[in-house]
N, C-alpha and C. Protein backbone atom coordinates (compact mmCIF):
# COMPACT_ATOMS: atom_id res chain seq x y z
N MET A 1 18.84 9.96 -5.45
CA MET A 1 19.59 9.40 -4.33
C MET A 1 21.08 9.33 -4.63
N SER A 2 21.53 10.16 -5.55
CA SER A 2 22.93 10.14 -5.96
C SER A 2 23.84 10.37 -4.76
N GLY A 3 24.81 9.44 -4.61
CA GLY A 3 25.80 9.60 -3.58
C GLY A 3 25.38 9.14 -2.21
N VAL A 4 24.16 8.71 -2.06
CA VAL A 4 23.65 8.26 -0.76
C VAL A 4 23.44 6.75 -0.80
N GLY A 5 24.02 6.04 0.15
CA GLY A 5 23.85 4.59 0.19
C GLY A 5 22.51 4.21 0.76
N VAL A 6 21.91 3.17 0.19
CA VAL A 6 20.62 2.68 0.69
C VAL A 6 20.85 1.91 1.99
N GLU A 7 20.08 2.26 3.01
CA GLU A 7 20.15 1.58 4.30
C GLU A 7 18.88 0.79 4.61
N ALA A 8 17.76 1.17 4.00
CA ALA A 8 16.48 0.52 4.30
C ALA A 8 15.58 0.52 3.08
N VAL A 9 14.77 -0.52 2.97
CA VAL A 9 13.78 -0.62 1.90
C VAL A 9 12.43 -0.88 2.53
N PHE A 10 11.45 -0.06 2.17
CA PHE A 10 10.09 -0.19 2.69
C PHE A 10 9.15 -0.69 1.59
N PHE A 11 8.17 -1.49 2.01
CA PHE A 11 7.23 -2.10 1.09
C PHE A 11 5.80 -1.78 1.50
N ASP A 12 4.95 -1.53 0.51
CA ASP A 12 3.51 -1.62 0.72
C ASP A 12 3.18 -3.11 0.84
N PHE A 13 1.95 -3.42 1.30
CA PHE A 13 1.57 -4.84 1.36
C PHE A 13 0.66 -5.21 0.19
N GLY A 14 -0.62 -4.78 0.25
CA GLY A 14 -1.55 -5.10 -0.83
C GLY A 14 -1.12 -4.45 -2.14
N GLY A 15 -1.02 -5.28 -3.19
CA GLY A 15 -0.56 -4.78 -4.47
C GLY A 15 0.91 -5.03 -4.70
N VAL A 16 1.63 -5.39 -3.64
CA VAL A 16 3.04 -5.73 -3.74
C VAL A 16 3.24 -7.22 -3.45
N PHE A 17 2.80 -7.66 -2.29
CA PHE A 17 2.93 -9.07 -1.92
C PHE A 17 1.72 -9.90 -2.34
N ILE A 18 0.60 -9.24 -2.54
CA ILE A 18 -0.61 -9.89 -3.07
C ILE A 18 -1.18 -8.97 -4.15
N SER A 19 -2.23 -9.43 -4.83
CA SER A 19 -2.79 -8.67 -5.93
C SER A 19 -3.31 -7.32 -5.47
N SER A 20 -3.33 -6.37 -6.39
CA SER A 20 -3.72 -5.00 -6.06
C SER A 20 -5.22 -4.88 -5.85
N PRO A 21 -5.65 -4.24 -4.75
CA PRO A 21 -7.08 -4.00 -4.57
C PRO A 21 -7.64 -3.06 -5.62
N PHE A 22 -6.81 -2.22 -6.20
CA PHE A 22 -7.29 -1.29 -7.22
C PHE A 22 -7.63 -2.02 -8.51
N ALA A 23 -6.87 -3.05 -8.84
CA ALA A 23 -7.18 -3.86 -10.01
C ALA A 23 -8.48 -4.63 -9.79
N ALA A 24 -8.66 -5.16 -8.58
CA ALA A 24 -9.89 -5.90 -8.26
C ALA A 24 -11.10 -4.98 -8.31
N ALA A 25 -10.96 -3.75 -7.82
CA ALA A 25 -12.07 -2.80 -7.84
C ALA A 25 -12.43 -2.42 -9.27
N ALA A 26 -11.43 -2.34 -10.12
CA ALA A 26 -11.69 -2.03 -11.53
C ALA A 26 -12.54 -3.12 -12.17
N GLU A 27 -12.23 -4.38 -11.85
CA GLU A 27 -13.02 -5.50 -12.38
C GLU A 27 -14.43 -5.46 -11.81
N ALA A 28 -14.57 -5.13 -10.53
CA ALA A 28 -15.90 -5.01 -9.93
C ALA A 28 -16.73 -3.94 -10.62
N ALA A 29 -16.08 -2.86 -11.01
CA ALA A 29 -16.78 -1.78 -11.71
C ALA A 29 -17.30 -2.27 -13.07
N ARG A 30 -16.47 -3.01 -13.78
CA ARG A 30 -16.89 -3.53 -15.09
C ARG A 30 -18.08 -4.47 -14.94
N GLN A 31 -18.05 -5.31 -13.90
CA GLN A 31 -19.14 -6.26 -13.70
C GLN A 31 -20.46 -5.57 -13.37
N ARG A 32 -20.37 -4.40 -12.74
CA ARG A 32 -21.58 -3.67 -12.32
C ARG A 32 -22.00 -2.58 -13.30
N GLY A 33 -21.23 -2.42 -14.37
CA GLY A 33 -21.58 -1.42 -15.37
C GLY A 33 -21.43 0.01 -14.89
N ILE A 34 -20.49 0.21 -13.98
CA ILE A 34 -20.22 1.54 -13.44
C ILE A 34 -18.85 1.98 -13.93
N PRO A 35 -18.69 3.22 -14.33
CA PRO A 35 -17.35 3.67 -14.74
C PRO A 35 -16.33 3.41 -13.63
N GLU A 36 -15.17 2.90 -14.04
CA GLU A 36 -14.15 2.50 -13.06
C GLU A 36 -13.77 3.64 -12.12
N ASP A 37 -13.52 4.81 -12.69
CA ASP A 37 -13.10 5.94 -11.85
C ASP A 37 -14.18 6.31 -10.84
N GLU A 38 -15.43 6.18 -11.26
CA GLU A 38 -16.54 6.54 -10.36
C GLU A 38 -16.63 5.56 -9.19
N LEU A 39 -16.51 4.27 -9.47
CA LEU A 39 -16.59 3.30 -8.37
C LEU A 39 -15.40 3.42 -7.42
N LEU A 40 -14.20 3.60 -7.99
CA LEU A 40 -13.02 3.77 -7.15
C LEU A 40 -13.17 4.98 -6.23
N GLU A 41 -13.72 6.07 -6.78
CA GLU A 41 -13.91 7.27 -5.98
C GLU A 41 -14.94 7.04 -4.88
N LEU A 42 -16.01 6.31 -5.19
CA LEU A 42 -17.04 6.04 -4.19
C LEU A 42 -16.49 5.21 -3.04
N VAL A 43 -15.76 4.16 -3.37
CA VAL A 43 -15.31 3.22 -2.34
C VAL A 43 -14.08 3.74 -1.60
N PHE A 44 -13.09 4.24 -2.33
CA PHE A 44 -11.81 4.61 -1.73
C PHE A 44 -11.61 6.11 -1.56
N GLY A 45 -12.48 6.92 -2.18
CA GLY A 45 -12.25 8.35 -2.14
C GLY A 45 -11.09 8.72 -3.06
N PRO A 46 -10.71 10.00 -3.10
CA PRO A 46 -9.54 10.42 -3.89
C PRO A 46 -8.27 9.90 -3.23
N TYR A 47 -7.78 8.77 -3.73
CA TYR A 47 -6.78 8.01 -2.98
C TYR A 47 -5.40 8.65 -2.98
N ASP A 48 -5.17 9.59 -3.90
CA ASP A 48 -3.88 10.28 -3.89
C ASP A 48 -3.86 11.44 -2.91
N LEU A 49 -4.95 11.58 -2.12
CA LEU A 49 -5.04 12.58 -1.07
C LEU A 49 -5.30 11.87 0.26
N ASP A 50 -5.07 12.58 1.35
CA ASP A 50 -5.40 12.07 2.68
C ASP A 50 -6.49 12.96 3.23
N GLY A 51 -7.75 12.50 3.08
CA GLY A 51 -8.88 13.38 3.40
C GLY A 51 -9.84 12.78 4.40
N ASP A 52 -11.10 13.18 4.29
CA ASP A 52 -12.13 12.76 5.23
C ASP A 52 -13.12 11.74 4.66
N HIS A 53 -12.80 11.18 3.50
CA HIS A 53 -13.65 10.11 2.96
C HIS A 53 -13.71 8.97 3.99
N PRO A 54 -14.86 8.28 4.09
CA PRO A 54 -14.97 7.20 5.07
C PRO A 54 -13.85 6.17 4.99
N TRP A 55 -13.40 5.84 3.78
CA TRP A 55 -12.32 4.85 3.65
C TRP A 55 -11.02 5.39 4.22
N HIS A 56 -10.76 6.66 4.01
CA HIS A 56 -9.56 7.26 4.58
C HIS A 56 -9.62 7.21 6.11
N ARG A 57 -10.78 7.53 6.65
CA ARG A 57 -10.95 7.51 8.11
C ARG A 57 -10.82 6.09 8.66
N LEU A 58 -11.31 5.11 7.90
CA LEU A 58 -11.16 3.70 8.29
C LEU A 58 -9.68 3.33 8.35
N GLU A 59 -8.93 3.72 7.33
CA GLU A 59 -7.51 3.37 7.29
C GLU A 59 -6.71 4.09 8.37
N ARG A 60 -7.22 5.20 8.87
CA ARG A 60 -6.55 5.88 9.98
C ARG A 60 -7.04 5.39 11.34
N GLY A 61 -7.94 4.41 11.33
CA GLY A 61 -8.44 3.85 12.58
C GLY A 61 -9.48 4.72 13.26
N GLU A 62 -10.10 5.63 12.51
CA GLU A 62 -11.08 6.56 13.08
C GLU A 62 -12.51 6.03 13.00
N LEU A 63 -12.77 5.10 12.08
CA LEU A 63 -14.09 4.50 11.91
C LEU A 63 -13.96 2.99 11.93
N SER A 64 -15.01 2.31 12.34
CA SER A 64 -15.04 0.86 12.24
C SER A 64 -15.35 0.46 10.80
N PHE A 65 -15.09 -0.81 10.49
CA PHE A 65 -15.40 -1.31 9.15
C PHE A 65 -16.90 -1.23 8.88
N ALA A 66 -17.72 -1.58 9.87
CA ALA A 66 -19.17 -1.55 9.70
C ALA A 66 -19.67 -0.13 9.43
N ASP A 67 -19.17 0.83 10.19
CA ASP A 67 -19.58 2.22 9.98
C ASP A 67 -19.11 2.74 8.63
N THR A 68 -17.97 2.28 8.21
CA THR A 68 -17.44 2.73 6.91
C THR A 68 -18.29 2.22 5.76
N THR A 69 -18.65 0.94 5.79
CA THR A 69 -19.47 0.40 4.70
C THR A 69 -20.83 1.08 4.66
N ALA A 70 -21.39 1.41 5.82
CA ALA A 70 -22.67 2.12 5.85
C ALA A 70 -22.53 3.52 5.25
N ALA A 71 -21.44 4.19 5.55
CA ALA A 71 -21.22 5.53 5.02
C ALA A 71 -21.00 5.50 3.51
N ILE A 72 -20.28 4.49 3.02
CA ILE A 72 -20.05 4.37 1.58
C ILE A 72 -21.35 4.06 0.86
N ALA A 73 -22.21 3.24 1.47
CA ALA A 73 -23.52 2.95 0.87
C ALA A 73 -24.33 4.23 0.72
N GLU A 74 -24.26 5.12 1.69
CA GLU A 74 -24.96 6.40 1.60
C GLU A 74 -24.39 7.24 0.46
N LEU A 75 -23.08 7.26 0.32
CA LEU A 75 -22.46 8.01 -0.77
C LEU A 75 -22.88 7.45 -2.13
N ALA A 76 -22.93 6.12 -2.23
CA ALA A 76 -23.32 5.49 -3.49
C ALA A 76 -24.76 5.83 -3.84
N ALA A 77 -25.64 5.77 -2.84
CA ALA A 77 -27.05 6.10 -3.08
C ALA A 77 -27.20 7.55 -3.51
N ALA A 78 -26.46 8.44 -2.87
CA ALA A 78 -26.53 9.86 -3.22
C ALA A 78 -26.03 10.11 -4.64
N ALA A 79 -25.13 9.23 -5.12
CA ALA A 79 -24.60 9.36 -6.47
C ALA A 79 -25.46 8.63 -7.50
N GLY A 80 -26.59 8.06 -7.05
CA GLY A 80 -27.50 7.38 -7.96
C GLY A 80 -27.20 5.92 -8.17
N HIS A 81 -26.43 5.32 -7.27
CA HIS A 81 -26.08 3.90 -7.39
C HIS A 81 -26.64 3.13 -6.20
N GLN A 82 -27.96 3.20 -6.05
CA GLN A 82 -28.60 2.52 -4.91
C GLN A 82 -28.35 1.02 -4.94
N GLY A 83 -28.11 0.46 -6.11
CA GLY A 83 -27.91 -0.98 -6.21
C GLY A 83 -26.51 -1.43 -5.87
N VAL A 84 -25.62 -0.51 -5.56
CA VAL A 84 -24.23 -0.87 -5.25
C VAL A 84 -24.10 -1.13 -3.76
N ASP A 85 -23.79 -2.36 -3.43
CA ASP A 85 -23.54 -2.72 -2.05
C ASP A 85 -22.03 -2.69 -1.83
N PRO A 86 -21.53 -1.76 -1.01
CA PRO A 86 -20.08 -1.67 -0.83
C PRO A 86 -19.47 -2.96 -0.31
N MET A 87 -20.24 -3.75 0.46
CA MET A 87 -19.71 -5.02 0.94
C MET A 87 -19.40 -5.96 -0.22
N ASP A 88 -20.28 -5.95 -1.26
CA ASP A 88 -20.02 -6.79 -2.43
C ASP A 88 -18.71 -6.39 -3.10
N VAL A 89 -18.52 -5.08 -3.23
CA VAL A 89 -17.30 -4.60 -3.87
C VAL A 89 -16.09 -4.94 -3.03
N LEU A 90 -16.18 -4.72 -1.73
CA LEU A 90 -15.04 -4.97 -0.85
C LEU A 90 -14.71 -6.46 -0.80
N MET A 91 -15.73 -7.30 -0.83
CA MET A 91 -15.45 -8.74 -0.83
C MET A 91 -14.81 -9.18 -2.13
N ALA A 92 -15.12 -8.46 -3.22
CA ALA A 92 -14.48 -8.77 -4.50
C ALA A 92 -12.98 -8.53 -4.42
N LEU A 93 -12.56 -7.63 -3.53
CA LEU A 93 -11.14 -7.35 -3.39
C LEU A 93 -10.39 -8.53 -2.75
N ALA A 94 -11.13 -9.41 -2.10
CA ALA A 94 -10.49 -10.51 -1.37
C ALA A 94 -10.51 -11.82 -2.14
N THR A 95 -10.92 -11.80 -3.40
CA THR A 95 -11.06 -13.05 -4.14
C THR A 95 -9.71 -13.64 -4.53
N GLU A 96 -8.70 -12.82 -4.78
CA GLU A 96 -7.39 -13.31 -5.20
C GLU A 96 -6.35 -12.83 -4.20
N ARG A 97 -5.90 -13.75 -3.37
CA ARG A 97 -4.97 -13.37 -2.32
C ARG A 97 -3.75 -14.30 -2.26
N SER A 98 -3.33 -14.82 -3.42
CA SER A 98 -2.13 -15.65 -3.42
C SER A 98 -0.91 -14.75 -3.25
N VAL A 99 0.04 -15.22 -2.48
CA VAL A 99 1.24 -14.44 -2.17
C VAL A 99 2.22 -14.52 -3.34
N ARG A 100 2.82 -13.39 -3.66
CA ARG A 100 3.83 -13.33 -4.70
C ARG A 100 5.18 -13.71 -4.07
N ASP A 101 5.54 -14.96 -4.24
CA ASP A 101 6.73 -15.49 -3.57
C ASP A 101 8.00 -14.76 -4.00
N PHE A 102 8.02 -14.25 -5.23
CA PHE A 102 9.23 -13.57 -5.69
C PHE A 102 9.47 -12.29 -4.90
N MET A 103 8.41 -11.68 -4.36
CA MET A 103 8.60 -10.49 -3.54
C MET A 103 9.13 -10.88 -2.15
N VAL A 104 8.64 -11.99 -1.63
CA VAL A 104 9.18 -12.50 -0.36
C VAL A 104 10.67 -12.81 -0.52
N ASP A 105 11.02 -13.42 -1.65
CA ASP A 105 12.43 -13.73 -1.91
C ASP A 105 13.26 -12.46 -2.01
N LEU A 106 12.68 -11.41 -2.60
CA LEU A 106 13.38 -10.14 -2.72
C LEU A 106 13.70 -9.56 -1.34
N VAL A 107 12.75 -9.63 -0.42
CA VAL A 107 13.00 -9.11 0.93
C VAL A 107 14.13 -9.89 1.58
N ARG A 108 14.12 -11.21 1.44
CA ARG A 108 15.18 -12.02 2.03
C ARG A 108 16.54 -11.67 1.42
N ASP A 109 16.55 -11.41 0.12
CA ASP A 109 17.79 -11.01 -0.56
C ASP A 109 18.31 -9.69 0.02
N LEU A 110 17.42 -8.73 0.18
CA LEU A 110 17.83 -7.42 0.70
C LEU A 110 18.37 -7.55 2.13
N ARG A 111 17.72 -8.37 2.93
CA ARG A 111 18.17 -8.56 4.31
C ARG A 111 19.54 -9.25 4.35
N SER A 112 19.76 -10.15 3.41
CA SER A 112 21.07 -10.82 3.36
C SER A 112 22.19 -9.86 3.00
N ARG A 113 21.83 -8.72 2.40
CA ARG A 113 22.81 -7.68 2.06
C ARG A 113 23.02 -6.71 3.22
N GLY A 114 22.32 -6.94 4.32
CA GLY A 114 22.49 -6.09 5.48
C GLY A 114 21.57 -4.89 5.53
N LEU A 115 20.56 -4.86 4.66
CA LEU A 115 19.63 -3.74 4.64
C LEU A 115 18.49 -3.97 5.63
N ALA A 116 18.02 -2.90 6.24
CA ALA A 116 16.81 -2.98 7.05
C ALA A 116 15.60 -2.99 6.12
N THR A 117 14.52 -3.63 6.56
CA THR A 117 13.31 -3.70 5.75
C THR A 117 12.10 -3.38 6.62
N GLY A 118 11.10 -2.76 6.01
CA GLY A 118 9.89 -2.41 6.74
C GLY A 118 8.69 -2.36 5.83
N ILE A 119 7.52 -2.32 6.43
CA ILE A 119 6.27 -2.16 5.70
C ILE A 119 5.64 -0.83 6.07
N ILE A 120 5.12 -0.13 5.06
CA ILE A 120 4.28 1.04 5.26
C ILE A 120 2.98 0.75 4.53
N THR A 121 1.92 0.45 5.27
CA THR A 121 0.67 0.01 4.65
C THR A 121 -0.52 0.81 5.11
N ASN A 122 -1.37 1.19 4.15
CA ASN A 122 -2.70 1.68 4.47
C ASN A 122 -3.56 0.45 4.68
N ASN A 123 -4.00 0.21 5.91
CA ASN A 123 -4.72 -1.01 6.18
C ASN A 123 -5.84 -0.79 7.17
N ILE A 124 -6.52 -1.86 7.50
CA ILE A 124 -7.74 -1.81 8.30
C ILE A 124 -7.54 -2.63 9.56
N ALA A 125 -7.89 -2.07 10.69
CA ALA A 125 -7.66 -2.75 11.96
C ALA A 125 -8.29 -4.14 11.99
N GLU A 126 -9.51 -4.26 11.47
CA GLU A 126 -10.22 -5.54 11.51
C GLU A 126 -9.55 -6.62 10.66
N PHE A 127 -8.71 -6.22 9.71
CA PHE A 127 -8.05 -7.18 8.83
C PHE A 127 -6.62 -7.45 9.24
N GLY A 128 -6.18 -6.89 10.36
CA GLY A 128 -4.77 -6.96 10.74
C GLY A 128 -4.23 -8.36 10.89
N GLU A 129 -4.94 -9.22 11.60
CA GLU A 129 -4.45 -10.59 11.80
C GLU A 129 -4.40 -11.35 10.50
N ALA A 130 -5.38 -11.12 9.62
CA ALA A 130 -5.46 -11.87 8.37
C ALA A 130 -4.28 -11.56 7.45
N TRP A 131 -3.97 -10.28 7.25
CA TRP A 131 -2.91 -9.99 6.29
C TRP A 131 -1.54 -10.33 6.87
N ARG A 132 -1.36 -10.16 8.16
CA ARG A 132 -0.07 -10.49 8.77
C ARG A 132 0.20 -11.99 8.73
N ALA A 133 -0.85 -12.79 8.66
CA ALA A 133 -0.67 -14.24 8.62
C ALA A 133 -0.28 -14.74 7.24
N MET A 134 -0.35 -13.88 6.23
CA MET A 134 -0.10 -14.33 4.86
C MET A 134 1.38 -14.47 4.54
N ILE A 135 2.22 -13.70 5.23
CA ILE A 135 3.66 -13.78 5.02
C ILE A 135 4.35 -13.78 6.39
N PRO A 136 5.58 -14.29 6.49
CA PRO A 136 6.26 -14.34 7.79
C PRO A 136 6.82 -12.96 8.17
N VAL A 137 5.95 -12.10 8.66
CA VAL A 137 6.33 -10.70 8.88
C VAL A 137 7.49 -10.56 9.86
N ASP A 138 7.51 -11.38 10.92
CA ASP A 138 8.57 -11.25 11.92
C ASP A 138 9.94 -11.60 11.34
N GLU A 139 9.95 -12.53 10.41
CA GLU A 139 11.21 -12.91 9.76
C GLU A 139 11.66 -11.88 8.74
N LEU A 140 10.69 -11.27 8.04
CA LEU A 140 11.01 -10.44 6.89
C LEU A 140 11.26 -8.97 7.20
N PHE A 141 10.64 -8.45 8.29
CA PHE A 141 10.65 -7.01 8.47
C PHE A 141 11.10 -6.60 9.87
N ASP A 142 11.84 -5.51 9.90
CA ASP A 142 12.28 -4.94 11.17
C ASP A 142 11.18 -4.13 11.83
N ASP A 143 10.24 -3.61 11.03
CA ASP A 143 9.17 -2.79 11.59
C ASP A 143 8.00 -2.75 10.61
N ILE A 144 6.81 -2.58 11.16
CA ILE A 144 5.60 -2.43 10.35
C ILE A 144 4.86 -1.18 10.79
N VAL A 145 4.65 -0.27 9.86
CA VAL A 145 3.85 0.92 10.12
C VAL A 145 2.51 0.72 9.43
N ASP A 146 1.50 0.42 10.24
CA ASP A 146 0.14 0.16 9.79
C ASP A 146 -0.69 1.42 10.04
N SER A 147 -1.29 1.94 9.00
CA SER A 147 -2.02 3.21 9.11
C SER A 147 -3.07 3.18 10.21
N SER A 148 -3.77 2.06 10.35
CA SER A 148 -4.85 1.98 11.34
C SER A 148 -4.32 1.97 12.76
N ALA A 149 -3.04 1.63 12.92
CA ALA A 149 -2.44 1.60 14.26
C ALA A 149 -1.79 2.93 14.63
N VAL A 150 -1.26 3.65 13.62
CA VAL A 150 -0.54 4.89 13.92
C VAL A 150 -1.37 6.14 13.68
N GLY A 151 -2.57 5.98 13.08
CA GLY A 151 -3.43 7.14 12.85
C GLY A 151 -2.97 8.04 11.73
N LEU A 152 -2.15 7.50 10.84
CA LEU A 152 -1.66 8.22 9.67
C LEU A 152 -1.79 7.31 8.46
N ARG A 153 -1.98 7.89 7.29
CA ARG A 153 -2.07 7.05 6.10
C ARG A 153 -1.34 7.72 4.94
N LYS A 154 -0.86 6.89 4.05
CA LYS A 154 -0.26 7.40 2.82
C LYS A 154 -1.34 8.12 2.00
N PRO A 155 -1.03 9.22 1.33
CA PRO A 155 0.31 9.78 1.09
C PRO A 155 0.72 10.92 2.04
N ASN A 156 0.16 10.96 3.24
CA ASN A 156 0.59 11.96 4.22
C ASN A 156 2.09 11.82 4.45
N PRO A 157 2.87 12.89 4.26
CA PRO A 157 4.32 12.78 4.46
C PRO A 157 4.71 12.23 5.83
N ALA A 158 3.87 12.49 6.83
CA ALA A 158 4.22 12.10 8.20
C ALA A 158 4.39 10.59 8.35
N ILE A 159 3.67 9.79 7.57
CA ILE A 159 3.76 8.34 7.77
C ILE A 159 5.09 7.80 7.23
N TYR A 160 5.61 8.39 6.16
CA TYR A 160 6.91 7.97 5.64
C TYR A 160 8.03 8.40 6.59
N LEU A 161 7.91 9.61 7.10
CA LEU A 161 8.92 10.10 8.04
C LEU A 161 8.92 9.28 9.32
N LEU A 162 7.73 8.88 9.78
CA LEU A 162 7.63 8.04 10.97
C LEU A 162 8.32 6.70 10.73
N ALA A 163 8.07 6.10 9.57
CA ALA A 163 8.68 4.80 9.26
C ALA A 163 10.20 4.90 9.26
N CYS A 164 10.72 5.95 8.65
CA CYS A 164 12.17 6.13 8.62
C CYS A 164 12.72 6.36 10.03
N GLU A 165 12.01 7.17 10.81
CA GLU A 165 12.45 7.45 12.18
C GLU A 165 12.51 6.17 13.00
N ARG A 166 11.51 5.32 12.85
CA ARG A 166 11.46 4.10 13.65
C ARG A 166 12.58 3.13 13.31
N LEU A 167 13.12 3.22 12.09
CA LEU A 167 14.25 2.37 11.73
C LEU A 167 15.58 3.13 11.81
N GLY A 168 15.50 4.40 12.18
CA GLY A 168 16.73 5.16 12.36
C GLY A 168 17.47 5.47 11.08
N VAL A 169 16.73 5.69 9.98
CA VAL A 169 17.36 6.02 8.71
C VAL A 169 16.82 7.34 8.19
N ALA A 170 17.64 8.05 7.44
CA ALA A 170 17.18 9.28 6.77
C ALA A 170 16.36 8.89 5.56
N PRO A 171 15.33 9.68 5.21
CA PRO A 171 14.54 9.36 4.01
C PRO A 171 15.40 9.20 2.76
N GLU A 172 16.46 9.99 2.67
CA GLU A 172 17.34 9.91 1.49
C GLU A 172 18.09 8.59 1.40
N ALA A 173 18.12 7.84 2.50
CA ALA A 173 18.79 6.53 2.51
C ALA A 173 17.80 5.38 2.45
N ALA A 174 16.56 5.69 2.04
CA ALA A 174 15.51 4.66 2.02
C ALA A 174 14.85 4.58 0.65
N LEU A 175 14.39 3.37 0.32
CA LEU A 175 13.61 3.11 -0.88
C LEU A 175 12.22 2.64 -0.48
N PHE A 176 11.27 2.78 -1.42
CA PHE A 176 9.89 2.40 -1.14
C PHE A 176 9.26 1.89 -2.42
N ILE A 177 8.37 0.89 -2.31
CA ILE A 177 7.64 0.35 -3.46
C ILE A 177 6.17 0.24 -3.12
N ASP A 178 5.30 0.65 -4.06
CA ASP A 178 3.86 0.69 -3.82
C ASP A 178 3.13 0.53 -5.16
N ASP A 179 1.87 0.08 -5.10
CA ASP A 179 1.09 -0.10 -6.32
C ASP A 179 0.25 1.12 -6.67
N HIS A 180 0.24 2.17 -5.82
CA HIS A 180 -0.53 3.37 -6.12
C HIS A 180 0.43 4.53 -6.37
N GLU A 181 0.26 5.19 -7.50
CA GLU A 181 1.19 6.25 -7.89
C GLU A 181 1.19 7.41 -6.90
N GLY A 182 0.03 7.70 -6.29
CA GLY A 182 -0.03 8.78 -5.32
C GLY A 182 0.82 8.48 -4.10
N ASN A 183 0.88 7.22 -3.68
CA ASN A 183 1.71 6.83 -2.54
C ASN A 183 3.19 6.90 -2.88
N VAL A 184 3.51 6.56 -4.11
CA VAL A 184 4.90 6.68 -4.58
C VAL A 184 5.32 8.14 -4.59
N ALA A 185 4.43 9.02 -5.08
CA ALA A 185 4.73 10.44 -5.10
C ALA A 185 4.92 10.99 -3.68
N GLY A 186 4.12 10.48 -2.74
CA GLY A 186 4.25 10.91 -1.35
C GLY A 186 5.60 10.57 -0.77
N ALA A 187 6.10 9.37 -1.09
CA ALA A 187 7.42 8.96 -0.61
C ALA A 187 8.52 9.82 -1.22
N ARG A 188 8.40 10.07 -2.51
CA ARG A 188 9.41 10.90 -3.17
C ARG A 188 9.42 12.32 -2.61
N ALA A 189 8.26 12.80 -2.19
CA ALA A 189 8.16 14.17 -1.69
C ALA A 189 8.97 14.38 -0.41
N VAL A 190 9.20 13.31 0.35
CA VAL A 190 9.99 13.45 1.58
C VAL A 190 11.45 13.06 1.37
N GLY A 191 11.82 12.73 0.13
CA GLY A 191 13.21 12.44 -0.18
C GLY A 191 13.55 10.99 -0.38
N MET A 192 12.58 10.10 -0.24
CA MET A 192 12.84 8.67 -0.44
C MET A 192 12.92 8.36 -1.94
N GLY A 193 13.70 7.34 -2.29
CA GLY A 193 13.62 6.80 -3.62
C GLY A 193 12.41 5.88 -3.67
N ALA A 194 11.61 5.95 -4.73
CA ALA A 194 10.36 5.17 -4.73
C ALA A 194 10.08 4.61 -6.12
N VAL A 195 9.49 3.41 -6.12
CA VAL A 195 9.19 2.68 -7.35
C VAL A 195 7.71 2.34 -7.37
N TRP A 196 7.07 2.60 -8.49
CA TRP A 196 5.66 2.20 -8.69
C TRP A 196 5.67 0.82 -9.32
N CYS A 197 4.91 -0.13 -8.72
CA CYS A 197 4.93 -1.51 -9.22
C CYS A 197 3.76 -1.84 -10.14
N GLY A 198 2.87 -0.86 -10.39
CA GLY A 198 1.74 -1.15 -11.26
C GLY A 198 0.74 -2.09 -10.61
N LEU A 199 -0.15 -2.66 -11.42
CA LEU A 199 -1.25 -3.44 -10.88
C LEU A 199 -1.20 -4.92 -11.25
N SER A 200 -0.14 -5.37 -11.88
CA SER A 200 -0.08 -6.77 -12.32
C SER A 200 1.17 -7.46 -11.79
N VAL A 201 1.18 -8.78 -11.90
CA VAL A 201 2.36 -9.56 -11.51
C VAL A 201 3.56 -9.16 -12.36
N GLU A 202 3.32 -8.97 -13.67
CA GLU A 202 4.42 -8.66 -14.58
C GLU A 202 5.07 -7.32 -14.25
N THR A 203 4.24 -6.30 -13.99
CA THR A 203 4.81 -4.99 -13.68
C THR A 203 5.49 -5.01 -12.31
N THR A 204 4.99 -5.84 -11.40
CA THR A 204 5.62 -5.93 -10.08
C THR A 204 6.98 -6.61 -10.19
N ARG A 205 7.09 -7.63 -11.04
CA ARG A 205 8.40 -8.25 -11.26
C ARG A 205 9.40 -7.23 -11.81
N ALA A 206 8.95 -6.43 -12.76
CA ALA A 206 9.82 -5.41 -13.34
C ALA A 206 10.22 -4.38 -12.29
N ALA A 207 9.27 -4.03 -11.42
CA ALA A 207 9.56 -3.06 -10.36
C ALA A 207 10.55 -3.63 -9.35
N ALA A 208 10.47 -4.93 -9.08
CA ALA A 208 11.42 -5.57 -8.17
C ALA A 208 12.83 -5.48 -8.74
N ASP A 209 12.97 -5.67 -10.04
CA ASP A 209 14.28 -5.54 -10.68
C ASP A 209 14.77 -4.09 -10.59
N GLU A 210 13.84 -3.15 -10.78
CA GLU A 210 14.21 -1.73 -10.68
C GLU A 210 14.69 -1.40 -9.27
N LEU A 211 14.01 -1.96 -8.28
CA LEU A 211 14.38 -1.72 -6.89
C LEU A 211 15.80 -2.24 -6.63
N LEU A 212 16.08 -3.46 -7.10
CA LEU A 212 17.42 -4.03 -6.92
C LEU A 212 18.48 -3.19 -7.62
N ALA A 213 18.14 -2.65 -8.78
CA ALA A 213 19.09 -1.81 -9.50
C ALA A 213 19.38 -0.54 -8.72
N LEU A 214 18.37 0.02 -8.07
CA LEU A 214 18.58 1.21 -7.25
C LEU A 214 19.46 0.88 -6.03
N VAL A 215 19.25 -0.28 -5.45
CA VAL A 215 20.09 -0.69 -4.33
C VAL A 215 21.54 -0.79 -4.78
N GLY A 216 21.75 -1.42 -5.94
CA GLY A 216 23.10 -1.58 -6.43
C GLY A 216 23.76 -0.28 -6.82
N SER A 217 22.97 0.63 -7.42
CA SER A 217 23.55 1.87 -7.90
C SER A 217 23.92 2.82 -6.78
N THR A 218 23.37 2.60 -5.58
CA THR A 218 23.64 3.51 -4.48
C THR A 218 24.40 2.81 -3.34
N ALA A 219 24.90 1.63 -3.62
CA ALA A 219 25.59 0.86 -2.57
C ALA A 219 26.84 1.61 -2.11
N THR A 220 27.05 1.59 -0.81
CA THR A 220 28.24 2.23 -0.27
C THR A 220 29.45 1.29 -0.41
N THR A 221 30.62 1.84 -0.46
CA THR A 221 31.83 1.03 -0.60
C THR A 221 32.72 1.20 0.61
């Protein structure tokens, strides 16, 4: 982003403002004695791609939550994991949902500097009211691009371009932070500056500092 001033910063939701669902799924895999990569693939599909896995279709608003869990149960049974109930795994993702206040403070800081802010989230229509109630979205963000509402999901380049278009900024003038490396790579592919925050509170704090450094290093004069 050399020579380009930052005009907007976009945030993922889960894994940035609350704990990462990927970390929770990893713990669920350990509890069930299933290899972590195998359980993640069963439940979420190849997450660095935008494909036809039931979870991907759910996040694009093409399937209901009930139909998705039934389809994942079939995939698990076909893979020899008849004892895996996808609902158990998915509910394990909701056990830790405390908000990371330092990230909320970061958004307020960025807005005080005159930057636009937005969310780009792969999410589920049935959970929309719940996650939006966790933080003051109307105060913090100029726009929210929810995959289940727009029919696009990360890392499809179109969802990042849509988010930038809706805020009237060029991708080269935007930053993005996410807990999944594939989503970070997707943002970089369209020209955005992007930061991976990892799966823990500590790595997210470090990523927040990195984001602020990028804002400062590209500030216009």
